[in-house]
Amino acid sequence: MRVRRLAALFLSVILCAGCSGPAVEIPPAPAVEQAEPPPVVVAEPPPAPPAQGQVGQEEKQEEEQEDASTGDPPTVLAVDPATGEERVVGMAPPDVWAGSLSPDGQWAMLVTGPPDQCEERTVWLMDLTTGQVQETPLDFPSSHTRVVWPEGRLVTAYFDTVDIYTLASGRHERRKVTPRAWEAASPDGRYLLGYHRAYDRERPDWHAPITVLIHDLQTGEDRTFADLAWTYVTHSGAPSLTRLFWTPDGTGVLVNDPRGEDPLVGGEAVLHLDPQTGVATPYTPGAAEVPEREVGPGGFSYRIQGPGPQDWLAIQVRSPSGEERQVGDGLLLGWVPKGELLYIRWAQGGRRFCEGE
């Protein structure tokens, strides 16, 4: 149970459409020089016995999650946040455990994997107008895979592989690139932002330099900015503190690390990189440049309530005036332009997540 919770924590904000969020430390692989392989999950010590009155609570939650893995297809629902009214969009493939929405609200990407063999992942596309689902050749090797939606395309990026799928024609292209931890797409969807940390140069105080890399999805070219800053290295598979953002106009890159060295101070001042000149300077962003929550059309926002990871259990929407409405339990997908909130619900309640993640 605890391994599933810890595993699912890695699944939170990485699935997004052109957004940024915390990356995850990827320790170096011996076979690839200066590479960033998947994280290692370290087992936690045995939990303390449950308090009186709580005996059997974890067993009941685990049973509910396992019941969601029956092979029955769950339902994709669209919710009107103002009224709470729901409509059925379609049926998702069985054993879906991750998803993402295109910015235009036309498509949903869904990732499935058998409960006992989560390394066998399949990426599907659902047409949100017709509810039809089709399989794709896209690669999704880890929950740390970054998903972006450049205009007319769906891109998955992990480590040294970038997969590009053209939505209209179904054309698929796979590129091998410099290994890196992927962060976000530029506002126009053309550039993919990532970084590589030089673990072989880590100091005794757990700091190592990072190189920022920008991949051009249109031309396939890379731009590299070496040793941009010394950033803090977390260990034991803990989430990375280093975060990279695009400025709202897409002309610059912001690098933030709360425990990095000057000019990366305390998570307030950040480093601003001009990709055209390669010049990096201290910079303090405005509050709107790094939003704390995703606000949908009409000023509605959502939050997740419960002890699980951030994308499951009780989903609630909040009106601009602060009133909250319970939506349901399931896998949250996000907002579509018409103002609806999409999520996946299982008939048995709760949601499943991959054993091997």
Protein backbone atom coordinates (compact mmCIF):
# COMPACT_ATOMS: atom_id res chain seq x y z
CA MET A 1 0.00 0.00 0.00
CA ARG A 2 2.75 2.47 0.96
CA VAL A 3 4.77 1.58 -2.15
CA ARG A 4 1.73 2.37 -4.28
CA ARG A 5 1.23 5.72 -2.56
CA LEU A 6 4.89 6.61 -2.88
CA ALA A 7 4.88 5.47 -6.48
CA ALA A 8 1.79 7.44 -7.35
CA LEU A 9 3.34 10.60 -5.85
CA PHE A 10 5.64 10.69 -8.85
CA LEU A 11 2.57 10.89 -11.09
CA SER A 12 1.30 14.26 -9.96
CA VAL A 13 1.89 17.22 -12.15
CA ILE A 14 4.16 15.80 -14.79
CA LEU A 15 1.30 15.14 -17.14
CA CYS A 16 0.36 18.47 -18.48
CA ALA A 17 -0.12 20.41 -21.64
CA GLY A 18 2.75 22.83 -22.00
CA CYS A 19 2.96 23.35 -18.23
CA SER A 20 5.82 23.15 -15.82
CA GLY A 21 6.16 21.39 -12.52
CA PRO A 22 8.64 19.74 -10.21
CA ALA A 23 10.98 17.32 -11.94
CA VAL A 24 12.20 14.16 -10.28
CA GLU A 25 15.85 13.43 -9.48
CA ILE A 26 17.13 10.86 -11.97
CA PRO A 27 20.38 9.28 -10.69
CA PRO A 28 23.14 8.57 -13.22
CA ALA A 29 23.29 5.33 -15.21
CA PRO A 30 26.69 3.61 -15.23
CA ALA A 31 26.39 2.69 -18.91
CA VAL A 32 25.78 6.23 -20.16
CA GLU A 33 28.15 9.04 -19.30
CA GLN A 34 26.41 11.97 -17.61
CA ALA A 35 22.97 10.44 -18.11
CA GLU A 36 19.87 10.69 -15.96
CA PRO A 37 18.17 7.27 -15.64
CA PRO A 38 14.89 6.62 -13.85
CA PRO A 39 14.78 7.20 -10.08
CA VAL A 40 15.33 4.50 -7.51
CA VAL A 41 12.54 4.03 -5.01
CA VAL A 42 13.87 3.14 -1.56
CA ALA A 43 11.59 1.04 0.60
CA GLU A 44 10.28 2.69 3.75
CA PRO A 45 10.61 1.09 7.20
CA PRO A 46 7.61 -0.94 8.38
CA PRO A 47 4.74 1.31 9.51
CA ALA A 48 3.65 1.56 13.12
CA PRO A 49 0.59 -0.51 14.09
CA PRO A 50 -2.68 1.36 13.40
CA ALA A 51 -4.32 3.16 16.27
CA GLN A 52 -7.39 1.69 17.91
CA GLY A 53 -10.43 2.22 15.70
CA GLN A 54 -8.30 2.37 12.56
CA VAL A 55 -7.61 -1.34 12.25
CA GLY A 56 -8.64 -2.57 8.83
CA GLN A 57 -8.88 0.94 7.32
CA GLU A 58 -5.83 0.50 5.11
CA GLU A 59 -6.98 -2.97 4.11
CA LYS A 60 -10.34 -1.53 3.05
CA GLN A 61 -8.69 1.25 0.98
CA GLU A 62 -6.37 -1.26 -0.68
CA GLU A 63 -9.31 -3.54 -1.50
CA GLU A 64 -11.19 -0.63 -3.10
CA GLN A 65 -8.17 0.27 -5.26
CA GLU A 66 -7.74 -3.35 -6.33
CA ASP A 67 -11.45 -3.55 -7.14
CA ALA A 68 -10.88 -0.75 -9.64
CA SER A 69 -8.58 -3.08 -11.58
CA THR A 70 -11.24 -5.53 -12.74
CA GLY A 71 -10.67 -5.02 -16.45
CA ASP A 72 -13.96 -3.12 -16.80
CA PRO A 73 -13.57 0.11 -18.83
CA PRO A 74 -14.00 3.24 -16.71
CA THR A 75 -16.04 6.25 -17.84
CA VAL A 76 -14.69 9.60 -18.99
CA LEU A 77 -16.98 12.34 -17.63
CA ALA A 78 -17.26 16.09 -18.22
CA VAL A 79 -18.55 18.17 -15.31
CA ASP A 80 -20.14 21.62 -15.43
CA PRO A 81 -18.46 23.30 -12.41
CA ALA A 82 -21.34 25.75 -11.94
CA THR A 83 -24.16 23.19 -11.75
CA GLY A 84 -22.38 19.90 -11.06
CA GLU A 85 -24.14 18.35 -14.06
CA GLU A 86 -22.19 15.53 -15.69
CA ARG A 87 -22.19 14.14 -19.20
CA VAL A 88 -20.55 10.98 -20.50
CA VAL A 89 -17.75 11.61 -23.01
CA GLY A 90 -16.93 7.95 -23.63
CA MET A 91 -15.44 4.79 -22.18
CA ALA A 92 -11.70 4.69 -21.48
CA PRO A 93 -9.65 1.53 -22.11
CA PRO A 94 -9.39 -0.85 -19.14
CA ASP A 95 -6.47 -0.35 -16.74
CA VAL A 96 -5.94 3.31 -17.56
CA TRP A 97 -3.73 5.01 -14.96
CA ALA A 98 -2.56 8.30 -16.50
CA GLY A 99 -3.92 10.94 -18.88
CA SER A 100 -3.50 14.37 -20.44
CA LEU A 101 -5.72 16.80 -22.40
CA SER A 102 -4.92 18.76 -25.53
CA PRO A 103 -5.21 22.55 -25.03
CA ASP A 104 -7.99 22.79 -27.65
CA GLY A 105 -10.12 20.25 -25.78
CA GLN A 106 -10.33 17.93 -28.79
CA TRP A 107 -8.18 15.03 -27.57
CA ALA A 108 -7.30 13.09 -24.42
CA MET A 109 -4.19 10.98 -24.16
CA LEU A 110 -4.68 7.88 -21.98
CA VAL A 111 -1.99 5.50 -20.74
CA THR A 112 -2.82 1.90 -19.86
CA GLY A 113 -0.89 -1.03 -18.46
CA PRO A 114 -1.86 -4.46 -17.07
CA PRO A 115 -2.01 -4.41 -13.26
CA ASP A 116 0.72 -7.06 -12.98
CA GLN A 117 2.92 -5.80 -15.84
CA CYS A 118 2.94 -2.02 -15.83
CA GLU A 119 6.04 -1.88 -18.01
CA GLU A 120 3.78 -2.93 -20.89
CA ARG A 121 2.31 0.51 -21.42
CA THR A 122 0.07 1.55 -24.28
CA VAL A 123 -0.77 5.13 -25.25
CA TRP A 124 -4.28 5.82 -26.58
CA LEU A 125 -6.02 8.84 -28.06
CA MET A 126 -9.66 9.61 -27.30
CA ASP A 127 -11.60 11.98 -29.54
CA LEU A 128 -13.52 14.03 -26.98
CA THR A 129 -16.20 14.92 -29.55
CA THR A 130 -17.08 11.37 -30.60
CA GLY A 131 -15.74 9.38 -27.65
CA GLN A 132 -13.83 7.10 -30.04
CA VAL A 133 -10.52 5.66 -28.82
CA GLN A 134 -7.52 4.65 -30.96
CA GLU A 135 -4.16 3.09 -30.11
CA THR A 136 -0.92 4.96 -30.92
CA PRO A 137 2.75 3.90 -31.28
CA LEU A 138 3.88 6.53 -28.77
CA ASP A 139 6.37 5.56 -26.08
CA PHE A 140 5.61 6.13 -22.39
CA PRO A 141 8.35 4.26 -20.49
CA SER A 142 7.94 5.94 -17.10
CA SER A 143 5.63 8.12 -15.03
CA HIS A 144 8.35 10.78 -15.41
CA THR A 145 7.57 11.02 -19.14
CA ARG A 146 6.77 14.60 -20.15
CA VAL A 147 3.69 15.14 -22.35
CA VAL A 148 3.20 18.26 -24.49
CA TRP A 149 0.76 19.22 -27.22
CA PRO A 150 2.33 21.40 -29.93
CA GLU A 151 -0.26 22.55 -32.46
CA GLY A 152 -1.63 19.49 -34.26
CA ARG A 153 0.78 17.07 -32.55
CA LEU A 154 1.22 15.02 -29.39
CA VAL A 155 4.75 14.67 -28.00
CA THR A 156 6.06 12.36 -25.29
CA ALA A 157 9.62 12.87 -24.03
CA TYR A 158 11.67 10.79 -21.62
CA PHE A 159 15.42 10.66 -21.08
CA ASP A 160 16.98 10.29 -24.57
CA THR A 161 13.80 9.74 -26.62
CA VAL A 162 11.30 12.21 -28.10
CA ASP A 163 8.20 10.76 -29.79
CA ILE A 164 6.17 13.01 -32.11
CA TYR A 165 2.70 11.98 -33.29
CA THR A 166 0.77 14.04 -35.87
CA LEU A 167 -2.90 13.98 -34.88
CA ALA A 168 -4.43 14.47 -38.33
CA SER A 169 -2.36 11.93 -40.28
CA GLY A 170 -1.17 9.53 -37.59
CA ARG A 171 2.44 10.05 -38.70
CA HIS A 172 4.92 8.99 -36.02
CA GLU A 173 8.53 10.14 -35.61
CA ARG A 174 10.99 8.96 -32.93
CA ARG A 175 14.11 11.03 -32.19
CA LYS A 176 17.14 10.12 -30.11
CA VAL A 177 18.49 13.17 -28.29
CA THR A 178 20.92 14.12 -25.53
CA PRO A 179 19.68 12.54 -22.26
CA ARG A 180 18.01 15.03 -19.96
CA ALA A 181 15.21 15.59 -17.46
CA TRP A 182 12.36 17.21 -19.40
CA GLU A 183 10.47 20.17 -17.97
CA ALA A 184 8.08 22.07 -20.26
CA ALA A 185 7.19 23.18 -23.77
CA SER A 186 7.41 26.81 -24.82
CA PRO A 187 4.10 28.73 -24.98
CA ASP A 188 4.02 28.35 -28.77
CA GLY A 189 4.70 24.60 -28.48
CA ARG A 190 7.82 24.70 -30.65
CA TYR A 191 10.60 24.20 -28.08
CA LEU A 192 11.04 21.57 -25.40
CA LEU A 193 12.98 22.56 -22.30
CA GLY A 194 15.09 20.23 -20.18
CA TYR A 195 18.25 19.98 -18.16
CA HIS A 196 21.11 17.60 -17.48
CA ARG A 197 22.78 17.47 -14.08
CA ALA A 198 26.48 16.52 -13.96
CA TYR A 199 26.33 13.97 -11.15
CA ASP A 200 29.96 13.00 -11.74
CA ARG A 201 30.94 16.50 -10.57
CA GLU A 202 28.77 16.50 -7.45
CA ARG A 203 30.47 18.13 -4.46
CA PRO A 204 30.41 16.84 -0.85
CA ASP A 205 27.71 19.44 -0.05
CA TRP A 206 25.36 17.74 -2.58
CA HIS A 207 25.56 20.43 -5.26
CA ALA A 208 26.20 19.77 -8.94
CA PRO A 209 26.12 21.96 -12.07
CA ILE A 210 23.26 21.74 -14.56
CA THR A 211 23.25 22.27 -18.29
CA VAL A 212 20.03 23.65 -19.80
CA LEU A 213 19.01 22.18 -23.15
CA ILE A 214 16.36 23.43 -25.56
CA HIS A 215 15.13 21.05 -28.27
CA ASP A 216 13.47 22.48 -31.38
CA LEU A 217 10.53 20.19 -32.20
CA GLN A 218 10.26 21.73 -35.67
CA THR A 219 13.87 21.38 -36.85
CA GLY A 220 15.23 18.79 -34.44
CA GLU A 221 18.09 21.09 -33.43
CA ASP A 222 19.41 21.43 -29.87
CA ARG A 223 20.76 24.46 -28.05
CA THR A 224 22.95 23.83 -25.01
CA PHE A 225 23.81 26.17 -22.13
CA ALA A 226 26.49 24.44 -20.07
CA ASP A 227 27.11 24.83 -16.33
CA LEU A 228 24.37 27.40 -15.95
CA ALA A 229 24.12 27.06 -12.16
CA TRP A 230 25.08 24.84 -9.22
CA THR A 231 21.90 23.18 -7.97
CA TYR A 232 21.04 20.95 -5.03
CA VAL A 233 21.04 17.17 -5.57
CA THR A 234 18.36 15.24 -3.69
CA HIS A 235 18.95 11.57 -3.01
CA SER A 236 17.00 8.34 -2.43
CA GLY A 237 14.62 9.07 -5.30
CA ALA A 238 13.25 12.25 -3.68
CA PRO A 239 11.70 14.88 -5.99
CA SER A 240 14.16 17.35 -7.46
CA LEU A 241 14.03 20.91 -6.15
CA THR A 242 15.22 22.31 -9.47
CA ARG A 243 12.46 23.80 -11.62
CA LEU A 244 12.58 25.32 -15.09
CA PHE A 245 9.88 27.57 -16.56
CA TRP A 246 9.34 29.51 -19.74
CA THR A 247 8.49 33.18 -19.39
CA PRO A 248 4.89 33.87 -20.48
CA ASP A 249 6.05 35.41 -23.77
CA GLY A 250 8.35 32.45 -24.50
CA THR A 251 11.45 34.60 -24.90
CA GLY A 252 13.27 33.47 -21.77
CA VAL A 253 13.83 30.57 -19.39
CA LEU A 254 13.61 30.80 -15.59
CA VAL A 255 15.69 28.45 -13.44
CA ASN A 256 14.77 28.07 -9.77
CA ASP A 257 16.32 25.98 -7.00
CA PRO A 258 15.47 26.84 -3.36
CA ARG A 259 18.73 25.30 -2.14
CA GLY A 260 20.97 26.29 -5.03
CA GLU A 261 23.79 28.81 -4.86
CA ASP A 262 23.52 32.52 -5.61
CA PRO A 263 21.87 33.91 -7.62
CA LEU A 264 19.42 31.05 -6.90
CA VAL A 265 18.45 32.27 -3.45
CA GLY A 266 15.68 30.83 -1.32
CA GLY A 267 13.29 30.15 -4.16
CA GLU A 268 12.57 33.88 -4.52
CA ALA A 269 15.26 35.13 -6.86
CA VAL A 270 15.73 32.95 -9.91
CA LEU A 271 18.03 32.85 -12.88
CA HIS A 272 16.78 34.26 -16.19
CA LEU A 273 18.32 32.82 -19.35
CA ASP A 274 18.02 34.56 -22.69
CA PRO A 275 18.20 31.68 -25.23
CA GLN A 276 19.14 34.06 -28.02
CA THR A 277 22.22 35.53 -26.33
CA GLY A 278 23.01 32.83 -23.78
CA VAL A 279 23.21 35.46 -21.04
CA ALA A 280 21.92 34.44 -17.59
CA THR A 281 21.06 37.09 -14.99
CA PRO A 282 19.33 37.19 -11.57
CA TYR A 283 15.61 37.79 -11.89
CA THR A 284 12.54 37.96 -9.64
CA PRO A 285 9.35 36.83 -11.44
CA GLY A 286 5.92 38.24 -10.82
CA ALA A 287 3.37 36.10 -8.98
CA ALA A 288 1.41 35.45 -12.18
CA GLU A 289 4.43 33.87 -13.87
CA VAL A 290 4.48 30.86 -11.54
CA PRO A 291 0.81 30.15 -10.73
CA GLU A 292 0.04 28.14 -7.59
CA ARG A 293 -3.09 26.47 -8.95
CA GLU A 294 -4.68 25.86 -12.32
CA VAL A 295 -7.69 28.12 -12.86
CA GLY A 296 -10.16 27.08 -15.52
CA PRO A 297 -12.55 29.10 -17.70
CA GLY A 298 -14.94 31.28 -15.75
CA GLY A 299 -12.57 31.55 -12.79
CA PHE A 300 -13.32 28.09 -11.39
CA SER A 301 -10.47 26.08 -9.89
CA TYR A 302 -10.16 22.58 -8.50
CA ARG A 303 -8.47 20.85 -5.61
CA ILE A 304 -8.04 17.27 -4.46
CA GLN A 305 -9.01 16.16 -0.97
CA GLY A 306 -7.75 12.97 0.65
CA PRO A 307 -4.61 11.16 1.75
CA GLY A 308 -3.67 9.96 -1.73
CA PRO A 309 -1.53 11.58 -4.46
CA GLN A 310 -2.60 14.84 -6.02
CA ASP A 311 -4.52 13.37 -8.97
CA TRP A 312 -6.95 11.00 -7.29
CA LEU A 313 -9.56 10.62 -4.54
CA ALA A 314 -12.12 13.38 -3.84
CA ILE A 315 -12.17 16.03 -6.59
CA GLN A 316 -13.71 19.38 -5.68
CA VAL A 317 -14.28 22.53 -7.73
CA ARG A 318 -14.22 26.03 -6.28
CA SER A 319 -16.21 28.94 -7.70
CA PRO A 320 -14.72 32.44 -8.07
CA SER A 321 -16.60 33.39 -4.88
CA GLY A 322 -14.99 30.53 -2.93
CA GLU A 323 -17.90 28.08 -2.85
CA GLU A 324 -16.86 24.42 -3.21
CA ARG A 325 -18.69 21.55 -4.86
CA GLN A 326 -17.85 17.85 -4.60
CA VAL A 327 -17.32 16.28 -8.03
CA GLY A 328 -16.37 12.67 -7.37
CA ASP A 329 -13.51 10.20 -7.03
CA GLY A 330 -11.27 9.28 -9.92
CA LEU A 331 -8.40 10.28 -12.19
CA LEU A 332 -8.40 14.01 -12.95
CA LEU A 333 -7.65 15.03 -16.54
CA GLY A 334 -8.18 18.82 -16.40
CA TRP A 335 -10.11 21.66 -17.98
CA VAL A 336 -11.37 21.95 -21.56
CA PRO A 337 -11.93 25.37 -23.18
CA LYS A 338 -15.74 25.20 -22.93
CA GLY A 339 -15.35 25.34 -19.13
CA GLU A 340 -15.91 21.69 -18.21
CA LEU A 341 -13.68 19.63 -15.93
CA LEU A 342 -12.87 16.15 -17.24
CA TYR A 343 -12.09 13.12 -15.10
CA ILE A 344 -12.20 9.31 -15.25
CA ARG A 345 -14.44 7.40 -12.85
CA TRP A 346 -14.55 3.71 -12.04
CA ALA A 347 -17.83 1.99 -11.23
CA GLN A 348 -16.18 0.49 -8.14
CA GLY A 349 -14.94 3.88 -6.89
CA GLY A 350 -11.39 5.13 -6.39
CA ARG A 351 -8.85 4.53 -9.12
CA ARG A 352 -5.99 2.16 -9.77
CA PHE A 353 -2.34 2.94 -10.32
CA CYS A 354 0.56 0.94 -11.61
CA GLU A 355 2.19 -1.62 -9.32
CA GLY A 356 5.63 -1.12 -10.85
CA GLU A 357 5.74 2.70 -10.75
